[in-house]
PDB file of N, CA and C in Angstrom:
ATOM      1  N   MET A   1     141.349  48.473 128.585  1.00  0.00           N
ATOM      2  CA  MET A   1     140.265  48.038 127.756  1.00  0.00           C
ATOM      3  C   MET A   1     139.039  48.896 128.101  1.00  0.00           C
ATOM      4  N   ILE A   2     138.369  49.375 127.086  1.00  0.00           N
ATOM      5  CA  ILE A   2     137.173  50.194 127.268  1.00  0.00           C
ATOM      6  C   ILE A   2     135.979  49.292 127.561  1.00  0.00           C
ATOM      7  N   ILE A   3     135.280  49.596 128.648  1.00  0.00           N
ATOM      8  CA  ILE A   3     134.070  48.850 128.999  1.00  0.00           C
ATOM      9  C   ILE A   3     132.847  49.569 128.458  1.00  0.00           C
ATOM     10  N   LYS A   4     132.744  50.857 128.756  1.00  0.00           N
ATOM     11  CA  LYS A   4     131.601  51.671 128.333  1.00  0.00           C
ATOM     12  C   LYS A   4     132.116  53.031 127.876  1.00  0.00           C
ATOM     13  N   GLN A   5     131.400  53.615 126.903  1.00  0.00           N
ATOM     14  CA  GLN A   5     131.749  54.938 126.420  1.00  0.00           C
ATOM     15  C   GLN A   5     130.465  55.655 126.036  1.00  0.00           C
ATOM     16  N   PHE A   6     130.390  56.945 126.389  1.00  0.00           N
ATOM     17  CA  PHE A   6     129.174  57.707 126.151  1.00  0.00           C
ATOM     18  C   PHE A   6     129.545  59.138 125.800  1.00  0.00           C
ATOM     19  N   GLN A   7     128.867  59.700 124.816  1.00  0.00           N
ATOM     20  CA  GLN A   7     129.067  61.090 124.407  1.00  0.00           C
ATOM     21  C   GLN A   7     127.862  61.894 124.889  1.00  0.00           C
ATOM     22  N   ALA A   8     128.124  62.923 125.697  1.00  0.00           N
ATOM     23  CA  ALA A   8     127.059  63.785 126.203  1.00  0.00           C
ATOM     24  C   ALA A   8     127.481  65.233 125.991  1.00  0.00           C
ATOM     25  N   GLY A   9     126.889  65.883 125.001  1.00  0.00           N
ATOM     26  CA  GLY A   9     127.267  67.266 124.706  1.00  0.00           C
ATOM     27  C   GLY A   9     128.721  67.342 124.288  1.00  0.00           C
ATOM     28  N   ASP A  10     129.465  68.207 124.968  1.00  0.00           N
ATOM     29  CA  ASP A  10     130.893  68.381 124.679  1.00  0.00           C
ATOM     30  C   ASP A  10     131.761  67.348 125.383  1.00  0.00           C
ATOM     31  N   PHE A  11     131.169  66.481 126.175  1.00  0.00           N
ATOM     32  CA  PHE A  11     131.923  65.553 126.998  1.00  0.00           C
ATOM     33  C   PHE A  11     131.838  64.117 126.477  1.00  0.00           C
ATOM     34  N   GLU A  12     132.960  63.418 126.602  1.00  0.00           N
ATOM     35  CA  GLU A  12     133.016  61.993 126.291  1.00  0.00           C
ATOM     36  C   GLU A  12     133.433  61.276 127.569  1.00  0.00           C
ATOM     37  N   ILE A  13     132.577  60.390 128.054  1.00  0.00           N
ATOM     38  CA  ILE A  13     132.818  59.680 129.296  1.00  0.00           C
ATOM     39  C   ILE A  13     133.174  58.243 128.949  1.00  0.00           C
ATOM     40  N   THR A  14     134.299  57.759 129.494  1.00  0.00           N
ATOM     41  CA  THR A  14     134.773  56.419 129.181  1.00  0.00           C
ATOM     42  C   THR A  14     135.137  55.698 130.467  1.00  0.00           C
ATOM     43  N   LEU A  15     134.683  54.462 130.581  1.00  0.00           N
ATOM     44  CA  LEU A  15     135.039  53.625 131.720  1.00  0.00           C
ATOM     45  C   LEU A  15     136.000  52.550 131.220  1.00  0.00           C
ATOM     46  N   TYR A  16     137.170  52.498 131.838  1.00  0.00           N
ATOM     47  CA  TYR A  16     138.223  51.562 131.448  1.00  0.00           C
ATOM     48  C   TYR A  16     138.416  50.503 132.519  1.00  0.00           C
ATOM     49  N   GLU A  17     138.804  49.318 132.074  1.00  0.00           N
ATOM     50  CA  GLU A  17     139.207  48.247 132.987  1.00  0.00           C
ATOM     51  C   GLU A  17     140.638  47.871 132.640  1.00  0.00           C
ATOM     52  N   TYR A  18     141.456  47.661 133.653  1.00  0.00           N
ATOM     53  CA  TYR A  18     142.841  47.282 133.442  1.00  0.00           C
ATOM     54  C   TYR A  18     143.088  45.895 134.049  1.00  0.00           C
ATOM     55  N   PRO A  19     142.716  44.833 133.325  1.00  0.00           N
ATOM     56  CA  PRO A  19     142.878  43.476 133.871  1.00  0.00           C
ATOM     57  C   PRO A  19     144.340  43.061 134.021  1.00  0.00           C
ATOM     58  N   GLU A  20     145.248  43.724 133.313  1.00  0.00           N
ATOM     59  CA  GLU A  20     146.661  43.355 133.437  1.00  0.00           C
ATOM     60  C   GLU A  20     147.192  43.649 134.840  1.00  0.00           C
ATOM     61  N   ASN A  21     146.544  44.563 135.580  1.00  0.00           N
ATOM     62  CA  ASN A  21     146.957  44.824 136.952  1.00  0.00           C
ATOM     63  C   ASN A  21     146.683  43.641 137.860  1.00  0.00           C
ATOM     64  N   LYS A  22     145.749  42.783 137.468  1.00  0.00           N
ATOM     65  CA  LYS A  22     145.407  41.628 138.283  1.00  0.00           C
ATOM     66  C   LYS A  22     146.618  40.703 138.417  1.00  0.00           C
ATOM     67  N   LYS A  23     147.440  40.633 137.399  1.00  0.00           N
ATOM     68  CA  LYS A  23     148.630  39.783 137.443  1.00  0.00           C
ATOM     69  C   LYS A  23     149.661  40.324 138.432  1.00  0.00           C
ATOM     70  N   VAL A  24     149.740  41.653 138.542  1.00  0.00           N
ATOM     71  CA  VAL A  24     150.743  42.289 139.392  1.00  0.00           C
ATOM     72  C   VAL A  24     150.203  42.561 140.790  1.00  0.00           C
ATOM     73  N   MET A  25     149.018  43.163 140.849  1.00  0.00           N
ATOM     74  CA  MET A  25     148.466  43.616 142.130  1.00  0.00           C
ATOM     75  C   MET A  25     147.324  42.727 142.624  1.00  0.00           C
ATOM     76  N   TYR A  26     146.985  41.698 141.872  1.00  0.00           N
ATOM     77  CA  TYR A  26     145.913  40.762 142.215  1.00  0.00           C
ATOM     78  C   TYR A  26     144.545  41.438 142.329  1.00  0.00           C
ATOM     79  N   ARG A  27     144.341  42.485 141.528  1.00  0.00           N
ATOM     80  CA  ARG A  27     143.046  43.164 141.493  1.00  0.00           C
ATOM     81  C   ARG A  27     142.873  43.873 140.166  1.00  0.00           C
ATOM     82  N   ASN A  28     141.638  44.011 139.721  1.00  0.00           N
ATOM     83  CA  ASN A  28     141.329  44.828 138.549  1.00  0.00           C
ATOM     84  C   ASN A  28     141.250  46.278 138.995  1.00  0.00           C
ATOM     85  N   VAL A  29     141.535  47.172 138.100  1.00  0.00           N
ATOM     86  CA  VAL A  29     141.416  48.591 138.391  1.00  0.00           C
ATOM     87  C   VAL A  29     140.487  49.188 137.349  1.00  0.00           C
ATOM     88  N   TYR A  30     139.483  49.922 137.815  1.00  0.00           N
ATOM     89  CA  TYR A  30     138.531  50.590 136.932  1.00  0.00           C
ATOM     90  C   TYR A  30     138.786  52.089 137.006  1.00  0.00           C
ATOM     91  N   THR A  31     138.906  52.710 135.847  1.00  0.00           N
ATOM     92  CA  THR A  31     139.228  54.122 135.755  1.00  0.00           C
ATOM     93  C   THR A  31     138.202  54.819 134.877  1.00  0.00           C
ATOM     94  N   LEU A  32     137.823  56.025 135.294  1.00  0.00           N
ATOM     95  CA  LEU A  32     136.877  56.843 134.547  1.00  0.00           C
ATOM     96  C   LEU A  32     137.641  57.974 133.882  1.00  0.00           C
ATOM     97  N   GLY A  33     137.420  58.168 132.591  1.00  0.00           N
ATOM     98  CA  GLY A  33     138.028  59.264 131.860  1.00  0.00           C
ATOM     99  C   GLY A  33     136.940  60.169 131.304  1.00  0.00           C
ATOM    100  N   VAL A  34     137.100  61.468 131.498  1.00  0.00           N
ATOM    101  CA  VAL A  34     136.146  62.436 130.962  1.00  0.00           C
ATOM    102  C   VAL A  34     136.929  63.427 130.116  1.00  0.00           C
ATOM    103  N   ARG A  35     136.533  63.559 128.855  1.00  0.00           N
ATOM    104  CA  ARG A  35     137.173  64.511 127.938  1.00  0.00           C
ATOM    105  C   ARG A  35     136.169  65.560 127.532  1.00  0.00           C
ATOM    106  N   GLY A  36     136.622  66.776 127.490  1.00  0.00           N
ATOM    107  CA  GLY A  36     135.796  67.895 127.075  1.00  0.00           C
ATOM    108  C   GLY A  36     136.431  69.164 127.607  1.00  0.00           C
ATOM    109  N   LYS A  37     137.049  69.944 126.739  1.00  0.00           N
ATOM    110  CA  LYS A  37     137.787  71.135 127.160  1.00  0.00           C
ATOM    111  C   LYS A  37     138.860  70.743 128.175  1.00  0.00           C
ATOM    112  N   GLY A  38     139.516  69.633 127.917  1.00  0.00           N
ATOM    113  CA  GLY A  38     140.529  69.089 128.808  1.00  0.00           C
ATOM    114  C   GLY A  38     140.233  67.625 129.067  1.00  0.00           C
ATOM    115  N   THR A  39     141.031  67.012 129.919  1.00  0.00           N
ATOM    116  CA  THR A  39     140.842  65.604 130.241  1.00  0.00           C
ATOM    117  C   THR A  39     140.921  65.420 131.749  1.00  0.00           C
ATOM    118  N   PHE A  40     140.055  64.559 132.264  1.00  0.00           N
ATOM    119  CA  PHE A  40     140.012  64.246 133.677  1.00  0.00           C
ATOM    120  C   PHE A  40     140.040  62.726 133.802  1.00  0.00           C
ATOM    121  N   ILE A  41     140.992  62.208 134.570  1.00  0.00           N
ATOM    122  CA  ILE A  41     141.105  60.768 134.795  1.00  0.00           C
ATOM    123  C   ILE A  41     140.912  60.516 136.288  1.00  0.00           C
ATOM    124  N   TYR A  42     140.071  59.546 136.597  1.00  0.00           N
ATOM    125  CA  TYR A  42     139.710  59.275 137.985  1.00  0.00           C
ATOM    126  C   TYR A  42     139.736  57.773 138.225  1.00  0.00           C
ATOM    127  N   GLU A  43     140.604  57.312 139.130  1.00  0.00           N
ATOM    128  CA  GLU A  43     140.631  55.891 139.467  1.00  0.00           C
ATOM    129  C   GLU A  43     139.450  55.623 140.374  1.00  0.00           C
ATOM    130  N   VAL A  44     138.517  54.833 139.880  1.00  0.00           N
ATOM    131  CA  VAL A  44     137.234  54.684 140.555  1.00  0.00           C
ATOM    132  C   VAL A  44     137.290  53.649 141.665  1.00  0.00           C
ATOM    133  N   SER A  45     137.538  52.401 141.313  1.00  0.00           N
ATOM    134  CA  SER A  45     137.363  51.329 142.282  1.00  0.00           C
ATOM    135  C   SER A  45     137.943  50.031 141.753  1.00  0.00           C
ATOM    136  N   ASP A  46     137.975  49.043 142.642  1.00  0.00           N
ATOM    137  CA  ASP A  46     138.323  47.679 142.248  1.00  0.00           C
ATOM    138  C   ASP A  46     137.073  46.897 141.882  1.00  0.00           C
ATOM    139  N   GLU A  47     135.925  47.410 142.254  1.00  0.00           N
ATOM    140  CA  GLU A  47     134.654  46.735 142.023  1.00  0.00           C
ATOM    141  C   GLU A  47     133.967  47.289 140.785  1.00  0.00           C
ATOM    142  N   LYS A  48     133.578  46.409 139.885  1.00  0.00           N
ATOM    143  CA  LYS A  48     132.944  46.841 138.636  1.00  0.00           C
ATOM    144  C   LYS A  48     131.603  47.524 138.892  1.00  0.00           C
ATOM    145  N   SER A  49     130.808  47.000 139.813  1.00  0.00           N
ATOM    146  CA  SER A  49     129.488  47.593 140.079  1.00  0.00           C
ATOM    147  C   SER A  49     129.624  49.012 140.623  1.00  0.00           C
ATOM    148  N   GLU A  50     130.598  49.240 141.478  1.00  0.00           N
ATOM    149  CA  GLU A  50     130.829  50.587 142.022  1.00  0.00           C
ATOM    150  C   GLU A  50     131.312  51.533 140.921  1.00  0.00           C
ATOM    151  N   ALA A  51     132.178  51.039 140.054  1.00  0.00           N
ATOM    152  CA  ALA A  51     132.678  51.854 138.941  1.00  0.00           C
ATOM    153  C   ALA A  51     131.539  52.229 137.990  1.00  0.00           C
ATOM    154  N   MET A  52     130.616  51.302 137.749  1.00  0.00           N
ATOM    155  CA  MET A  52     129.465  51.583 136.884  1.00  0.00           C
ATOM    156  C   MET A  52     128.567  52.650 137.504  1.00  0.00           C
ATOM    157  N   GLN A  53     128.406  52.640 138.813  1.00  0.00           N
ATOM    158  CA  GLN A  53     127.591  53.651 139.486  1.00  0.00           C
ATOM    159  C   GLN A  53     128.188  55.043 139.315  1.00  0.00           C
ATOM    160  N   VAL A  54     129.505  55.152 139.448  1.00  0.00           N
ATOM    161  CA  VAL A  54     130.165  56.447 139.269  1.00  0.00           C
ATOM    162  C   VAL A  54     130.036  56.905 137.821  1.00  0.00           C
ATOM    163  N   TYR A  55     130.198  55.994 136.885  1.00  0.00           N
ATOM    164  CA  TYR A  55     130.050  56.285 135.458  1.00  0.00           C
ATOM    165  C   TYR A  55     128.658  56.861 135.178  1.00  0.00           C
ATOM    166  N   LYS A  56     127.625  56.201 135.698  1.00  0.00           N
ATOM    167  CA  LYS A  56     126.253  56.671 135.497  1.00  0.00           C
ATOM    168  C   LYS A  56     126.001  58.000 136.199  1.00  0.00           C
ATOM    169  N   LYS A  57     126.603  58.188 137.356  1.00  0.00           N
ATOM    170  CA  LYS A  57     126.445  59.438 138.111  1.00  0.00           C
ATOM    171  C   LYS A  57     126.978  60.628 137.310  1.00  0.00           C
ATOM    172  N   VAL A  58     128.120  60.450 136.662  1.00  0.00           N
ATOM    173  CA  VAL A  58     128.704  61.521 135.849  1.00  0.00           C
ATOM    174  C   VAL A  58     127.823  61.814 134.640  1.00  0.00           C
ATOM    175  N   ILE A  59     127.341  60.784 133.978  1.00  0.00           N
ATOM    176  CA  ILE A  59     126.469  60.967 132.813  1.00  0.00           C
ATOM    177  C   ILE A  59     125.206  61.715 133.204  1.00  0.00           C
ATOM    178  N   MET A  60     124.587  61.324 134.306  1.00  0.00           N
ATOM    179  CA  MET A  60     123.355  61.979 134.744  1.00  0.00           C
ATOM    180  C   MET A  60     123.599  63.434 135.120  1.00  0.00           C
ATOM    181  N   TYR A  61     124.735  63.723 135.727  1.00  0.00           N
ATOM    182  CA  TYR A  61     125.076  65.102 136.084  1.00  0.00           C
ATOM    183  C   TYR A  61     125.223  65.967 134.832  1.00  0.00           C
ATOM    184  N   ILE A  62     125.885  65.440 133.823  1.00  0.00           N
ATOM    185  CA  ILE A  62     126.072  66.176 132.571  1.00  0.00           C
ATOM    186  C   ILE A  62     124.737  66.379 131.866  1.00  0.00           C
ATOM    187  N   LYS A  63     123.923  65.329 131.797  1.00  0.00           N
ATOM    188  CA  LYS A  63     122.608  65.444 131.152  1.00  0.00           C
ATOM    189  C   LYS A  63     121.720  66.447 131.881  1.00  0.00           C
ATOM    190  N   GLU A  64     121.735  66.399 133.199  1.00  0.00           N
ATOM    191  CA  GLU A  64     120.925  67.317 133.995  1.00  0.00           C
ATOM    192  C   GLU A  64     121.317  68.771 133.728  1.00  0.00           C
ATOM    193  N   SER A  65     122.600  69.019 133.618  1.00  0.00           N
ATOM    194  CA  SER A  65     123.055  70.391 133.342  1.00  0.00           C
ATOM    195  C   SER A  65     122.615  70.848 131.955  1.00  0.00           C
ATOM    196  N   HIS A  66     122.567  69.928 130.987  1.00  0.00           N
ATOM    197  CA  HIS A  66     122.097  70.280 129.643  1.00  0.00           C
ATOM    198  C   HIS A  66     120.615  70.622 129.656  1.00  0.00           C
ATOM    199  N   PHE A  67     119.822  69.877 130.429  1.00  0.00           N
ATOM    200  CA  PHE A  67     118.394  70.163 130.519  1.00  0.00           C
ATOM    201  C   PHE A  67     118.128  71.522 131.162  1.00  0.00           C
ATOM    202  N   LYS A  68     119.014  71.912 132.075  1.00  0.00           N
ATOM    203  CA  LYS A  68     118.865  73.198 132.759  1.00  0.00           C
ATOM    204  C   LYS A  68     119.565  74.332 132.007  1.00  0.00           C
ATOM    205  N   ASN A  69     120.171  74.015 130.852  1.00  0.00           N
ATOM    206  CA  ASN A  69     120.940  74.988 130.065  1.00  0.00           C
ATOM    207  C   ASN A  69     122.066  75.621 130.873  1.00  0.00           C
ATOM    208  N   GLU A  70     122.721  74.816 131.696  1.00  0.00           N
ATOM    209  CA  GLU A  70     123.855  75.279 132.493  1.00  0.00           C
ATOM    210  C   GLU A  70     125.149  74.819 131.833  1.00  0.00           C
ATOM    211  N   GLU A  71     126.131  75.692 131.814  1.00  0.00           N
ATOM    212  CA  GLU A  71     127.458  75.335 131.323  1.00  0.00           C
ATOM    213  C   GLU A  71     128.244  74.725 132.472  1.00  0.00           C
ATOM    214  N   ILE A  72     128.810  73.553 132.267  1.00  0.00           N
ATOM    215  CA  ILE A  72     129.653  72.945 133.292  1.00  0.00           C
ATOM    216  C   ILE A  72     131.047  72.725 132.739  1.00  0.00           C
ATOM    217  N   THR A  73     131.992  72.609 133.650  1.00  0.00           N
ATOM    218  CA  THR A  73     133.385  72.374 133.286  1.00  0.00           C
ATOM    219  C   THR A  73     133.841  71.067 133.926  1.00  0.00           C
ATOM    220  N   LEU A  74     135.046  70.660 133.600  1.00  0.00           N
ATOM    221  CA  LEU A  74     135.608  69.468 134.233  1.00  0.00           C
ATOM    222  C   LEU A  74     135.729  69.660 135.740  1.00  0.00           C
ATOM    223  N   ASN A  75     136.025  70.894 136.174  1.00  0.00           N
ATOM    224  CA  ASN A  75     136.091  71.183 137.608  1.00  0.00           C
ATOM    225  C   ASN A  75     134.761  70.909 138.289  1.00  0.00           C
ATOM    226  N   ASP A  76     133.659  71.268 137.637  1.00  0.00           N
ATOM    227  CA  ASP A  76     132.331  71.009 138.192  1.00  0.00           C
ATOM    228  C   ASP A  76     132.096  69.509 138.367  1.00  0.00           C
ATOM    229  N   ILE A  77     132.543  68.722 137.404  1.00  0.00           N
ATOM    230  CA  ILE A  77     132.383  67.269 137.482  1.00  0.00           C
ATOM    231  C   ILE A  77     133.215  66.709 138.633  1.00  0.00           C
ATOM    232  N   VAL A  78     134.440  67.203 138.784  1.00  0.00           N
ATOM    233  CA  VAL A  78     135.310  66.766 139.887  1.00  0.00           C
ATOM    234  C   VAL A  78     134.648  67.083 141.222  1.00  0.00           C
ATOM    235  N   GLU A  79     134.126  68.287 141.362  1.00  0.00           N
ATOM    236  CA  GLU A  79     133.460  68.683 142.607  1.00  0.00           C
ATOM    237  C   GLU A  79     132.230  67.820 142.871  1.00  0.00           C
ATOM    238  N   HIS A  80     131.512  67.473 141.836  1.00  0.00           N
ATOM    239  CA  HIS A  80     130.321  66.630 141.968  1.00  0.00           C
ATOM    240  C   HIS A  80     130.688  65.231 142.462  1.00  0.00           C
ATOM    241  N   LEU A  81     131.840  64.737 142.082  1.00  0.00           N
ATOM    242  CA  LEU A  81     132.271  63.396 142.501  1.00  0.00           C
ATOM    243  C   LEU A  81     132.774  63.353 143.938  1.00  0.00           C
ATOM    244  N   LYS A  82     133.093  64.489 144.518  1.00  0.00           N
ATOM    245  CA  LYS A  82     133.614  64.508 145.900  1.00  0.00           C
ATOM    246  C   LYS A  82     132.569  64.208 146.901  1.00  0.00           C
TER     247      LYS A  82
END
């Protein structure tokens, strides 16, 4: 289920929640998906607040690069999350 979705330049950032995992693993799983010249999927956390922070961090990184007229790739986003 999609919780949040945002379009920034060439990138589409989506935060997903998988409540069906709660029945099997007794926890929700939050996943971040970034599309733009490829796709990047990142399992964020079991905590919604932590997943929202990562979601906002990616959006701010992409926006900042646009303000600086810098071209970024999915690899740059992955490195930024490390």
